[in-house]
Each structure stands twice: as structure tokens, then as C-alpha cells.
């Protein structure tokens, strides 16, 4: 990406599958005042009878005593039934208020001593009205994601990160505007999930300058870059949340222009075969799918992801930054991990999904041995992944943590080692986030290393000065927080 700066180690634990209902505890400090909405059109959810996308709140919204839970604070399903709750300990006397449009009825209560967001077990709809494909089956219960150190849970840190971003919505897009876009999207999704309606509305209002045309969006010309077109993720997320047709057009224009004049191989001309593209391109096409449910966008994404896996992924699962630069730059690998995770949440079962999944799992297996295991940076990954003298770096750590959490929560990664790595990644991020929600040790935007030896290319990345309050880090910090909090598993197949 172009150089432009915008403004303890956990023990191994088992992953448990609960066949009756999927429950996800957040932390002792991570209980929202009312449960998040669950998207409706993809299937029946907690309580209610499978509301449509415009459906009225289900009757389970005021669950009262049905929200009782065991001493661990697990939340029972909605529908006024306490059958999933244990007898020891009760949640708040009043259940959560009914969710907004598209809800099948919010979950009952907010749990016992630990408080929680709840999951209906079936991954039918998605949290926070973010349109994603419905999963099938039962969400895994991840006990190791249940509690966190005081003030370091995903709700705590996510709120701080959103607060940090709120004052930056008026920034110019600039050279690293894609990072601003992704932090903006992360803030919208986080506030939607946690039902912070006032902040969510303010964020959407601040986008009005683009929706109305008062501020010109980044270029969408034939020669625009993937960085320019990544802007489209933001208006598409806004459309998904509030059905603003102006925003939909802004986003789809970019997703469609990206494939105008695609080559004979079906790959966009925007493809540079930089690993970064596998979030820049894949993300835009996936968001276009979520806004339209047109499978062509997922087909494009999968075809391109597979081409990049073939060109850049190595035998150990990790990725060169580019065809020229063969160093394992941390964030380049992070972009791929995050982009594959987003794609797999929606990609239908079939050969493309199987192939993308194989590459994703191969990368996760390649990353685990490179995670730092001791000292004050335990849980982090390095700026150059396989260079022991390279500094720990937070943006790639946040991206890998997001990818691991997503894989564990959606049943793609079932061994306890992935849970341990994800938990340790989040703990490391908590240690690097200050009381203002600012993540430290973040690499700024950069280009590819010059042609040369592997050692010289590794040195190019290793010698970059890391900073803080950089949206390259703030964005994936929010993704990881939301991934821990969301109660559904739309990528379960």
C-alpha cells in the first residue's frame, strides 16, 4: 500500500460444541445493556418464527426471567423459554428490548455473573443487520473466549476504538484512505452489533457529504487503483444497515467498474498480485454481494483469491508480499487472512469454497509456529514473520487474530491450538491498546521492497518505524473485537 499515514499466555483449552443451543460469553465487563439484533431474512433466529428482513420484533424481546443462566453467565435463547439456562444464578430480571427491523426477536436476558451476547445455535441470520449468508448447524461454544482481564474485553476495547475513530470521520481520503475506510466500516459494524444507535447514526450522518455528493469520492476511473476503489466498502456497509440507495450506488459502481474489461482469465485488471489486494479486491466484491445477494460478486472474489494463492502462497502456508518482494511482510499476510475470512463467511459450499478454505487453513497452520510465545510481546506476530530480529507488529497481529477468531467461531478450525492462538492474540492486542483506544506498534502504509536478495527485502520492512494511532491498526482491532462479540456463525457449512 502507498506510504501515506492517516491520521501471559493462555493455556490450551478445548473447543466445545453445544448441540442444543450455541452460546457465546463475552466477558465480565462485556455485557451490552441489551442484546444485539439478529438479521432476519436468512432464517429463524432466537425466539420468533423466522422474521423477514423487514419483520417486526419477535415476542421474545422481553424475556424476563427466561434470561436466567448458570453461574458462568451463559445466556439462554429467546422465545421466553429458559430450557437452555442452568439453575444456579439468574440474569437481570428484565430481558433485552426487542431488536430493530429484521429481527426474529432478541435474545432473552443478558445472562448471569459474566453477562453475554447470545447465539441461537443455528447461524441463520447475522448480527447487527449486516447482510451475510446464513450458516447451517450449531455455532461452537468457545469457553476460552468467555472472560478477559478487566477492561481488556472486546466490548471494552471496541468501545474505546470507536470513540477514538469518531473524531476522524471528516478526514480526507488521502493515500491510505483505504485504512480510514476499513476503520469506518469497523466502527459502523461494532456500533450496530452493540446497539449503540446514537454513535451509529452519527457515523452514518457524517458520511452524508459523500452520499449527497458534497464531497467527491475517490476516483473510480478505469485507471483507479485498488486503494481508490476500496472506498466502496463503506457506502455498501451503510446501505446494508439503512438501505440508502445513494450509498448502494456509490459502492456498486466501484465493485462493477473493478471488473470492467477483466482479462480472459476472468481476473480484474486491478490485480497487481500484491497480497494486499486480497482484502482490497475481495472485500469490495464481498460487500457488493452482501448488498445485492448476486453470486457473481462471490465468484469474482473466489476466482481471484485462488489465483493469488497459486501465485504468492508458499509451501509453509505464508505469502510473499508481491511477485517481486518475497519477504513475509506481516500485514501483507494479514490482508490475505482477513480477506479469505470475509469471503468464507459468505461463499456457498462447492469446489471454490473448498479450495479457498484449503488455502486459508494452510495459512493459519503456517502462522501458528511464528506467533511470539513469551515475554511482554507474547501473542503477537512480527513485522517480518519469520525474521526473529524483526519487531512485533500490531496490525498484522489484529488481522491474524480476527482470522483465527472467525475460523474458530464458524467451525472451520476445531483444534484447541487455534483457540489458544486467537486468545493470546487478543490478549496481546489488549496490552498494546491504551485507555484512549489507541493501538501501538503499527506499521504505516508502505510499498513493495525493491528487487534484490531476500535479506535486503526483509530489511526493507524490518527497518520501517512503527507508530500508533494509525488506522491500519485501528481497523482490524475493531474487526477482532466484533468477531469475538457477534453471536452468529454465518460461515458455518
Protein backbone atom coordinates (compact mmCIF):
# COMPACT_ATOMS: atom_id res chain seq x y z
CA UNK A 1 0.00 0.00 0.00
CA UNK A 2 1.16 3.53 -0.68
CA UNK A 3 3.13 5.28 2.01
CA UNK A 4 0.69 7.74 3.49
CA UNK A 5 -0.06 7.90 7.17
CA UNK A 6 -3.57 8.51 8.31
CA UNK A 7 -4.49 10.30 10.98
CA UNK A 8 0.52 -14.29 29.77
CA UNK A 9 -0.02 -16.51 27.60
CA UNK A 10 -3.19 -18.60 27.86
CA UNK A 11 -3.22 -22.36 28.43
CA UNK A 12 -4.54 -24.68 25.76
CA UNK A 13 -8.28 -25.19 26.01
CA UNK A 14 -10.81 -27.38 24.31
CA UNK A 15 -13.40 -26.16 21.84
CA UNK A 16 -16.83 -27.34 22.93
CA UNK A 17 -19.82 -27.85 20.65
CA UNK A 18 -23.24 -27.44 22.24
CA UNK A 19 -25.80 -29.29 20.18
CA UNK A 20 -28.91 -27.75 21.70
CA UNK A 21 -28.02 -24.07 21.51
CA UNK A 22 -24.92 -22.06 20.66
CA UNK A 23 -23.91 -19.73 23.45
CA UNK A 24 -21.09 -17.19 23.46
CA UNK A 25 -19.95 -15.41 26.59
CA UNK A 26 -18.07 -12.16 26.11
CA UNK A 27 -16.56 -11.16 29.46
CA UNK A 28 -17.41 -9.98 32.91
CA UNK A 29 -17.22 -6.43 31.61
CA UNK A 30 -18.61 -7.16 28.18
CA UNK A 31 -22.38 -7.30 28.55
CA UNK A 32 -24.25 -4.73 26.46
CA UNK A 33 -27.28 -3.15 28.11
CA UNK A 34 -29.50 -5.03 25.68
CA UNK A 35 -28.69 -7.85 23.27
CA UNK A 36 -27.79 -7.13 19.68
CA UNK A 37 -30.27 -7.64 16.87
CA UNK A 38 -30.02 -10.70 14.72
CA UNK A 39 -30.50 -10.27 10.98
CA UNK A 40 -33.65 -11.94 9.80
CA UNK A 41 -34.09 -12.93 6.19
CA UNK A 42 -31.68 -15.86 6.20
CA UNK A 43 -33.67 -17.93 8.68
CA UNK A 44 -35.35 -18.20 12.06
CA UNK A 45 -33.29 -16.97 14.98
CA UNK A 46 -33.61 -16.59 18.74
CA UNK A 47 -37.26 -16.59 19.51
CA UNK A 48 -39.75 -15.56 16.89
CA UNK A 49 -40.60 -17.53 13.81
CA UNK A 50 -38.03 -16.52 11.22
CA UNK A 51 -38.74 -12.87 10.63
CA UNK A 52 -38.14 -11.40 7.20
CA UNK A 53 -35.66 -8.61 6.62
CA UNK A 54 -38.36 -6.07 7.31
CA UNK A 55 -40.01 -8.08 10.04
CA UNK A 56 -41.31 -6.75 13.30
CA UNK A 57 -39.53 -7.61 16.54
CA UNK A 58 -40.31 -11.06 17.85
CA UNK A 59 -42.18 -11.68 21.07
CA UNK A 60 -39.07 -12.88 22.80
CA UNK A 61 -37.72 -9.36 23.18
CA UNK A 62 -38.91 -9.05 26.77
CA UNK A 63 -37.89 -12.37 28.15
CA UNK A 64 -37.86 -11.54 31.82
CA UNK A 65 -36.92 -14.46 34.00
CA UNK A 66 -36.32 -16.63 30.95
CA UNK A 67 -32.96 -14.97 30.75
CA UNK A 68 -31.71 -16.87 33.75
CA UNK A 69 -28.39 -18.52 33.30
CA UNK A 70 -25.86 -20.59 35.16
CA UNK A 71 -23.09 -19.22 37.25
CA UNK A 72 -20.92 -18.93 34.17
CA UNK A 73 -23.28 -16.33 32.80
CA UNK A 74 -24.41 -18.16 29.65
CA UNK A 75 -27.45 -16.60 28.05
CA UNK A 76 -30.41 -18.72 27.02
CA UNK A 77 -32.21 -18.44 23.73
CA UNK A 78 -35.11 -16.10 23.29
CA UNK A 79 -38.72 -17.27 22.86
CA UNK A 80 -39.43 -16.99 26.55
CA UNK A 81 -38.02 -20.41 27.28
CA UNK A 82 -35.41 -20.96 29.93
CA UNK A 83 -34.62 -24.50 28.88
CA UNK A 84 -31.01 -23.75 27.99
CA UNK A 85 -30.18 -21.95 31.23
CA UNK A 86 -28.73 -23.59 34.29
CA UNK A 87 -30.47 -23.25 37.62
CA UNK A 88 -27.60 -21.70 39.51
CA UNK A 89 -27.65 -17.93 39.29
CA UNK A 90 -30.05 -15.70 37.38
CA UNK A 91 -29.58 -12.92 34.93
CA UNK A 92 -31.20 -9.50 35.09
CA UNK A 93 -34.90 -9.52 35.84
CA UNK A 94 -35.76 -7.93 32.53
CA UNK A 95 -34.80 -9.35 29.19
CA UNK A 96 -33.35 -7.30 26.38
CA UNK A 97 -35.60 -4.99 24.45
CA UNK A 98 -36.87 -6.19 21.07
CA UNK A 99 -34.46 -5.74 18.23
CA UNK A 100 -34.97 -3.41 15.31
CA UNK A 101 -36.33 -4.29 11.87
CA UNK A 102 -35.22 -7.63 10.54
CA UNK A 103 -35.14 -9.28 13.95
CA UNK A 104 -36.67 -12.58 14.80
CA UNK A 105 -36.93 -11.47 18.40
CA UNK A 106 -33.97 -10.54 20.53
CA UNK A 107 -32.44 -12.99 22.96
CA UNK A 108 -33.78 -13.25 26.44
CA UNK A 109 -31.93 -11.63 29.32
CA UNK A 110 -28.26 -10.83 29.45
CA UNK A 111 -27.05 -13.78 31.47
CA UNK A 112 -25.63 -14.44 34.88
CA UNK A 113 -22.47 -13.24 36.50
CA UNK A 114 -20.46 -13.00 33.33
CA UNK A 115 -23.12 -11.43 31.10
CA UNK A 116 -23.14 -12.27 27.39
CA UNK A 117 -24.33 -11.80 23.90
CA UNK A 118 -26.32 -14.85 22.92
CA UNK A 119 -26.47 -17.05 19.88
CA UNK A 120 -29.38 -19.07 18.63
CA UNK A 121 -27.26 -22.03 17.73
CA UNK A 122 -28.34 -22.02 14.11
CA UNK A 123 -26.41 -19.43 12.18
CA UNK A 124 -29.47 -18.40 10.22
CA UNK A 125 -29.15 -14.64 10.16
CA UNK A 126 -26.39 -12.30 11.07
CA UNK A 127 -25.86 -9.89 13.88
CA UNK A 128 -26.37 -6.19 13.54
CA UNK A 129 -28.27 -6.23 10.24
CA UNK A 130 -25.07 -6.81 8.32
CA UNK A 131 -26.29 -8.96 5.46
CA UNK A 132 -24.34 -12.18 5.34
CA UNK A 133 -25.22 -15.61 4.12
CA UNK A 134 -26.97 -17.88 6.57
CA UNK A 135 -24.90 -20.62 8.10
CA UNK A 136 -26.14 -24.09 8.87
CA UNK A 137 -25.77 -26.13 12.01
CA UNK A 138 -24.84 -25.14 15.54
CA UNK A 139 -22.34 -22.46 16.50
CA UNK A 140 -19.38 -23.76 18.50
CA UNK A 141 -19.16 -22.72 22.14
CA UNK A 142 -15.72 -21.29 22.82
CA UNK A 143 -15.23 -21.27 26.56
CA UNK A 144 -11.84 -19.62 26.27
CA UNK A 145 -13.47 -16.56 24.72
CA UNK A 146 -15.76 -16.16 27.75
CA UNK A 147 -13.76 -13.93 30.08
CA UNK A 148 -10.97 -11.40 29.75
CA UNK A 149 -8.83 -9.25 32.06
CA UNK A 150 -10.68 -6.26 33.46
CA UNK A 151 -11.01 -3.50 30.87
CA UNK A 152 -9.47 -5.64 28.12
CA UNK A 153 -12.50 -7.49 26.81
CA UNK A 154 -13.72 -6.97 23.25
CA UNK A 155 -16.59 -4.72 24.30
CA UNK A 156 -14.28 -2.56 26.40
CA UNK A 157 -11.63 -2.14 23.74
CA UNK A 158 -14.09 -1.92 20.87
CA UNK A 159 -15.89 0.99 22.52
CA UNK A 160 -12.60 2.79 23.07
CA UNK A 161 -11.53 2.23 19.47
CA UNK A 162 -14.83 3.57 18.13
CA UNK A 163 -14.53 6.62 20.37
CA UNK A 164 -11.04 7.17 19.01
CA UNK A 165 -12.28 7.00 15.43
CA UNK A 166 -15.38 9.19 15.82
CA UNK A 167 -13.42 12.41 15.55
CA UNK A 168 -11.77 11.32 12.31
CA UNK A 169 -14.79 10.82 10.06
CA UNK A 170 -14.14 14.16 8.35
CA UNK A 171 -10.62 13.27 7.25
CA UNK A 172 -9.64 13.47 3.60
CA UNK A 173 -9.41 10.10 1.87
CA UNK A 174 -5.73 10.51 1.03
CA UNK A 175 -3.19 7.89 0.00
CA UNK A 176 -4.02 5.48 2.81
CA UNK A 177 -7.72 6.25 2.75
CA UNK A 178 -8.48 2.55 2.49
CA UNK A 179 -7.37 2.23 6.14
CA UNK A 180 -9.73 5.07 7.09
CA UNK A 181 -12.49 3.29 5.18
CA UNK A 182 -11.92 0.00 6.97
CA UNK A 183 -11.82 1.69 10.39
CA UNK A 184 -15.07 3.49 9.49
CA UNK A 185 -16.72 0.21 8.43
CA UNK A 186 -15.46 -1.49 11.59
CA UNK A 187 -16.92 1.30 13.72
CA UNK A 188 -20.28 1.06 11.97
CA UNK A 189 -20.44 -2.71 12.39
CA UNK A 190 -19.35 -2.59 16.01
CA UNK A 191 -21.90 0.05 16.99
CA UNK A 192 -24.63 -1.78 15.09
CA UNK A 193 -23.84 -5.04 16.85
CA UNK A 194 -23.67 -3.48 20.31
CA UNK A 195 -26.80 -1.38 19.69
CA UNK A 196 -25.02 1.93 20.19
CA UNK A 197 -27.61 3.57 17.99
CA UNK A 198 -26.58 7.16 18.74
CA UNK A 199 -22.98 6.64 17.65
CA UNK A 200 -24.04 4.53 14.68
CA UNK A 201 -26.40 7.26 13.49
CA UNK A 202 -23.72 9.90 13.94
CA UNK A 203 -21.26 7.87 11.87
CA UNK A 204 -23.79 7.46 9.08
CA UNK A 205 -24.67 11.16 9.24
CA UNK A 206 -21.01 12.06 8.83
CA UNK A 207 -20.97 10.09 5.55
CA UNK A 208 -23.71 12.31 4.14
CA UNK A 209 -21.10 14.53 2.49
CA UNK A 210 -20.30 11.62 0.17
CA UNK A 211 -23.86 10.33 -0.19
CA UNK A 212 -25.10 13.78 -1.19
CA UNK A 213 -22.18 14.48 -3.49
CA UNK A 214 -20.95 17.47 -1.49
CA UNK A 215 -17.56 15.76 -1.17
CA UNK A 216 -16.25 13.95 -4.21
CA UNK A 217 -15.41 10.29 -3.57
CA UNK A 218 -12.06 8.80 -4.59
CA UNK A 219 -11.54 8.08 -8.27
CA UNK A 220 -13.43 5.22 -9.89
CA UNK A 221 -11.94 5.75 -13.33
CA UNK A 222 -10.62 2.90 -15.40
CA UNK A 223 -7.11 3.65 -14.12
CA UNK A 224 -8.12 3.96 -10.46
CA UNK A 225 -6.27 1.74 -8.02
CA UNK A 226 -7.49 -0.93 -5.65
CA UNK A 227 -6.83 1.59 -2.87
CA UNK A 228 -9.20 4.07 -4.51
CA UNK A 229 -11.93 1.54 -5.10
CA UNK A 230 -11.72 0.11 -1.58
CA UNK A 231 -13.74 3.18 -0.59
CA UNK A 232 -16.78 1.28 -1.88
CA UNK A 233 -16.84 -0.97 1.20
CA UNK A 234 -18.06 1.97 3.28
CA UNK A 235 -21.17 3.03 1.34
CA UNK A 236 -22.08 -0.63 0.85
CA UNK A 237 -22.00 -1.23 4.61
CA UNK A 238 -24.16 1.86 5.10
CA UNK A 239 -26.66 0.55 2.56
CA UNK A 240 -26.71 -2.82 4.30
CA UNK A 241 -27.50 -1.07 7.56
CA UNK A 242 -30.04 1.52 6.42
CA UNK A 243 -30.98 0.78 2.77
CA UNK A 244 -29.71 4.14 1.47
CA UNK A 245 -29.84 3.69 -2.30
CA UNK A 246 -27.38 6.54 -2.89
CA UNK A 247 -24.78 4.66 -0.86
CA UNK A 248 -25.55 1.43 -2.65
CA UNK A 249 -24.85 3.07 -5.99
CA UNK A 250 -21.55 4.51 -4.78
CA UNK A 251 -20.41 1.06 -3.70
CA UNK A 252 -21.71 -0.99 -6.61
CA UNK A 253 -20.29 1.44 -9.16
CA UNK A 254 -16.86 0.61 -7.78
CA UNK A 255 -17.40 -3.13 -7.49
CA UNK A 256 -18.64 -3.31 -11.09
CA UNK A 257 -16.04 -0.94 -12.54
CA UNK A 258 -13.39 -3.11 -10.94
CA UNK A 259 -14.38 -5.93 -13.31
CA UNK A 260 -14.92 -3.80 -16.42
CA UNK A 261 -12.56 -5.12 -19.06
CA UNK A 262 -11.46 -8.11 -17.00
CA UNK A 263 -8.90 -10.30 -18.70
CA UNK A 264 -9.54 -13.59 -20.44
CA UNK A 265 -8.74 -15.34 -17.17
CA UNK A 266 -11.70 -13.59 -15.54
CA UNK A 267 -9.46 -11.61 -13.17
CA UNK A 268 -9.85 -7.86 -12.75
CA UNK A 269 -7.23 -5.59 -14.30
CA UNK A 270 -6.89 -4.03 -10.85
CA UNK A 271 -4.98 -7.14 -9.78
CA UNK A 272 -1.33 -6.33 -9.09
CA UNK A 273 -0.53 -9.62 -7.42
CA UNK A 274 0.30 -7.87 -4.20
CA UNK A 275 -1.03 -9.83 -1.23
CA UNK A 276 -2.73 -6.62 -0.04
CA UNK A 277 -5.19 -6.95 -2.92
CA UNK A 278 -6.77 -9.92 -1.27
CA UNK A 279 -8.57 -7.61 1.08
CA UNK A 280 -8.81 -4.59 -1.21
CA UNK A 281 -10.42 -6.51 -4.08
CA UNK A 282 -12.02 -9.36 -2.18
CA UNK A 283 -13.55 -7.09 0.44
CA UNK A 284 -15.24 -4.83 -2.11
CA UNK A 285 -16.71 -7.75 -4.04
CA UNK A 286 -17.92 -9.49 -0.87
CA UNK A 287 -19.62 -6.32 0.35
CA UNK A 288 -21.27 -5.96 -3.05
CA UNK A 289 -22.62 -9.49 -2.63
CA UNK A 290 -23.93 -8.70 0.84
CA UNK A 291 -25.74 -5.68 -0.55
CA UNK A 292 -27.27 -7.49 -3.54
CA UNK A 293 -27.08 -11.25 -2.92
CA UNK A 294 -25.81 -11.54 -6.51
CA UNK A 295 -23.45 -14.52 -6.58
CA UNK A 296 -21.34 -13.03 -9.37
CA UNK A 297 -19.51 -10.97 -6.77
CA UNK A 298 -18.53 -14.06 -4.78
CA UNK A 299 -17.49 -15.85 -7.96
CA UNK A 300 -15.19 -12.96 -8.81
CA UNK A 301 -13.71 -12.96 -5.32
CA UNK A 302 -13.13 -16.69 -5.20
CA UNK A 303 -11.52 -16.82 -8.64
CA UNK A 304 -9.16 -14.00 -7.71
CA UNK A 305 -8.34 -15.40 -4.28
CA UNK A 306 -7.42 -18.74 -5.82
CA UNK A 307 -5.21 -17.04 -8.40
CA UNK A 308 -3.36 -15.17 -5.65
CA UNK A 309 -2.98 -18.29 -3.56
CA UNK A 310 -1.40 -20.00 -6.57
CA UNK A 311 0.92 -17.07 -7.28
CA UNK A 312 2.02 -15.99 -3.80
CA UNK A 313 1.34 -18.68 -1.17
CA UNK A 314 4.36 -20.77 -0.26
CA UNK A 315 4.73 -24.36 0.91
CA UNK A 316 4.65 -23.32 4.58
CA UNK A 317 1.33 -21.53 4.09
CA UNK A 318 2.62 -17.97 4.26
CA UNK A 319 2.62 -15.40 1.45
CA UNK A 320 5.20 -13.34 -0.35
CA UNK A 321 4.24 -9.68 -0.33
CA UNK A 322 4.37 -9.48 -4.14
CA UNK A 323 5.77 -11.48 -7.02
CA UNK A 324 8.88 -9.28 -6.74
CA UNK A 325 9.11 -8.99 -2.97
CA UNK A 326 9.47 -12.44 -1.43
CA UNK A 327 9.62 -11.38 2.21
CA UNK A 328 6.84 -12.49 4.55
CA UNK A 329 5.69 -9.00 5.46
CA UNK A 330 3.26 -9.32 8.37
CA UNK A 331 0.45 -7.07 7.17
CA UNK A 332 0.56 -8.42 3.62
CA UNK A 333 -0.20 -11.80 5.11
CA UNK A 334 -2.81 -10.17 7.33
CA UNK A 335 -4.68 -8.75 4.36
CA UNK A 336 -4.94 -12.23 2.86
CA UNK A 337 -6.03 -13.84 6.12
CA UNK A 338 -8.72 -11.21 6.71
CA UNK A 339 -9.93 -11.24 3.09
CA UNK A 340 -10.20 -15.02 3.00
CA UNK A 341 -12.12 -14.97 6.28
CA UNK A 342 -14.63 -12.45 4.97
CA UNK A 343 -15.08 -14.41 1.73
CA UNK A 344 -15.57 -17.73 3.51
CA UNK A 345 -18.35 -16.26 5.66
CA UNK A 346 -20.48 -16.00 2.51
CA UNK A 347 -19.08 -18.35 -0.11
CA UNK A 348 -21.52 -21.20 -0.85
CA UNK A 349 -20.47 -24.83 -0.46
CA UNK A 350 -18.70 -26.20 -3.52
CA UNK A 351 -15.33 -26.56 -5.20
CA UNK A 352 -14.42 -22.88 -4.97
CA UNK A 353 -15.15 -22.78 -1.26
CA UNK A 354 -13.19 -25.97 -0.67
CA UNK A 355 -10.15 -24.57 -2.48
CA UNK A 356 -10.26 -21.18 -0.75
CA UNK A 357 -10.72 -22.94 2.59
CA UNK A 358 -7.70 -25.15 1.94
CA UNK A 359 -5.53 -22.08 1.34
CA UNK A 360 -6.94 -20.34 4.41
CA UNK A 361 -6.25 -23.34 6.66
CA UNK A 362 -2.79 -23.75 5.20
CA UNK A 363 -2.04 -20.13 6.08
CA UNK A 364 -3.41 -20.47 9.62
CA UNK A 365 -1.17 -23.50 10.14
CA UNK A 366 1.80 -21.56 8.80
CA UNK A 367 1.17 -18.66 11.15
CA UNK A 368 0.88 -20.55 14.41
CA UNK A 369 4.57 -21.51 14.76
CA UNK A 370 5.53 -17.86 14.14
CA UNK A 371 3.46 -16.37 16.98
CA UNK A 372 5.60 -14.98 19.81
CA UNK A 373 5.24 -17.24 22.86
CA UNK A 374 6.97 -15.44 25.71
CA UNK A 375 7.81 -12.07 27.16
CA UNK A 376 5.89 -8.80 27.03
CA UNK A 377 5.00 -9.36 23.37
CA UNK A 378 3.57 -12.85 23.81
CA UNK A 379 0.71 -13.45 21.41
CA UNK A 380 1.96 -11.06 18.73
CA UNK A 381 3.41 -11.67 15.28
CA UNK A 382 6.40 -9.85 13.82
CA UNK A 383 6.73 -7.21 11.12
CA UNK A 384 8.63 -9.81 9.09
CA UNK A 385 7.00 -13.02 10.20
CA UNK A 386 9.97 -15.36 10.05
CA UNK A 387 12.72 -12.88 11.00
CA UNK A 388 13.40 -13.22 14.72
CA UNK A 389 15.12 -9.84 14.92
CA UNK A 390 12.05 -8.06 13.47
CA UNK A 391 9.83 -6.05 15.80
CA UNK A 392 6.41 -7.29 16.93
CA UNK A 393 3.72 -5.52 14.90
CA UNK A 394 0.12 -4.90 15.89
CA UNK A 395 -1.83 -4.55 12.64
CA UNK A 396 -0.86 -7.99 11.38
CA UNK A 397 -1.48 -9.38 14.86
CA UNK A 398 -5.01 -7.93 14.80
CA UNK A 399 -5.67 -9.33 11.33
CA UNK A 400 -4.45 -12.81 12.21
CA UNK A 401 -6.43 -12.72 15.45
CA UNK A 402 -9.56 -11.72 13.51
CA UNK A 403 -8.99 -14.55 11.02
CA UNK A 404 -8.45 -17.11 13.77
CA UNK A 405 -11.46 -15.99 15.80
CA UNK A 406 -13.63 -16.12 12.67
CA UNK A 407 -12.39 -19.60 11.84
CA UNK A 408 -12.95 -20.91 15.35
CA UNK A 409 -16.36 -19.26 15.75
CA UNK A 410 -17.56 -20.65 12.40
CA UNK A 411 -16.31 -24.17 12.94
CA UNK A 412 -13.55 -24.11 10.32
CA UNK A 413 -10.76 -24.52 12.88
CA UNK A 414 -11.57 -27.08 15.56
CA UNK A 415 -8.28 -27.89 17.25
CA UNK A 416 -7.62 -26.23 20.61
CA UNK A 417 -4.36 -24.78 19.30
CA UNK A 418 -6.29 -22.27 17.17
CA UNK A 419 -8.36 -21.15 20.14
CA UNK A 420 -5.19 -20.66 22.17
CA UNK A 421 -3.56 -18.64 19.39
CA UNK A 422 -6.65 -16.46 18.95
CA UNK A 423 -6.98 -15.82 22.68
CA UNK A 424 -3.31 -14.97 23.02
CA UNK A 425 -3.57 -12.67 20.01
CA UNK A 426 -6.43 -10.77 21.62
CA UNK A 427 -4.61 -10.55 24.95
CA UNK A 428 -1.60 -9.10 23.13
CA UNK A 429 -3.79 -6.51 21.40
CA UNK A 430 -5.31 -5.58 24.75
CA UNK A 431 -1.83 -5.00 26.12
CA UNK A 432 -0.98 -2.73 23.18
CA UNK A 433 -4.21 -0.66 23.37
CA UNK A 434 -4.20 2.31 25.72
CA UNK A 435 -7.06 3.94 27.63
CA UNK A 436 -7.85 6.11 24.60
CA UNK A 437 -8.37 3.11 22.36
CA UNK A 438 -5.08 3.68 20.53
CA UNK A 439 -3.19 0.62 19.32
CA UNK A 440 0.60 0.94 19.36
CA UNK A 441 3.37 -0.74 17.31
CA UNK A 442 1.59 -0.32 13.97
CA UNK A 443 3.37 -0.27 10.61
CA UNK A 444 2.37 2.68 8.38
CA UNK A 445 1.44 2.23 4.73
CA UNK A 446 4.27 1.10 2.51
CA UNK A 447 5.10 -0.21 -0.92
CA UNK A 448 6.91 -3.34 -2.00
CA UNK A 449 10.59 -3.95 -1.43
CA UNK A 450 12.94 -3.41 -4.34
CA UNK A 451 14.26 -6.37 -6.28
CA UNK A 452 17.23 -7.86 -4.51
CA UNK A 453 18.17 -10.59 -2.09
CA UNK A 454 15.68 -11.98 0.40
CA UNK A 455 17.76 -10.45 3.20
CA UNK A 456 17.61 -6.99 1.65
CA UNK A 457 13.88 -7.29 1.13
CA UNK A 458 13.34 -8.42 4.71
CA UNK A 459 15.43 -5.47 5.89
CA UNK A 460 13.21 -3.07 3.91
CA UNK A 461 10.19 -3.99 6.05
CA UNK A 462 12.08 -4.58 9.29
CA UNK A 463 13.57 -1.07 9.21
CA UNK A 464 10.21 0.72 8.93
CA UNK A 465 9.45 2.71 12.09
CA UNK A 466 6.29 1.52 13.82
CA UNK A 467 3.84 4.04 15.26
CA UNK A 468 0.48 4.36 16.99
CA UNK A 469 -2.99 5.75 16.32
CA UNK A 470 -2.68 4.52 12.75
CA UNK A 471 -5.89 3.29 11.15
CA UNK A 472 -4.03 0.36 9.62
CA UNK A 473 -4.18 -0.99 13.17
CA UNK A 474 -7.43 0.55 14.42
CA UNK A 475 -9.49 -1.14 11.70
CA UNK A 476 -8.51 -4.77 12.38
CA UNK A 477 -8.65 -4.11 16.12
CA UNK A 478 -12.36 -3.38 15.62
CA UNK A 479 -12.80 -6.41 13.36
CA UNK A 480 -11.35 -8.68 16.01
CA UNK A 481 -13.47 -7.16 18.78
CA UNK A 482 -16.64 -7.62 16.75
CA UNK A 483 -15.69 -11.17 15.77
CA UNK A 484 -15.46 -12.08 19.46
CA UNK A 485 -18.78 -10.43 20.28
CA UNK A 486 -21.02 -11.46 17.40
CA UNK A 487 -23.38 -14.27 18.40
CA UNK A 488 -23.88 -15.87 14.99
CA UNK A 489 -21.78 -18.05 12.72
CA UNK A 490 -22.83 -17.28 9.12
CA UNK A 491 -19.84 -19.14 7.70
CA UNK A 492 -20.75 -22.49 9.24
CA UNK A 493 -21.49 -25.01 6.49
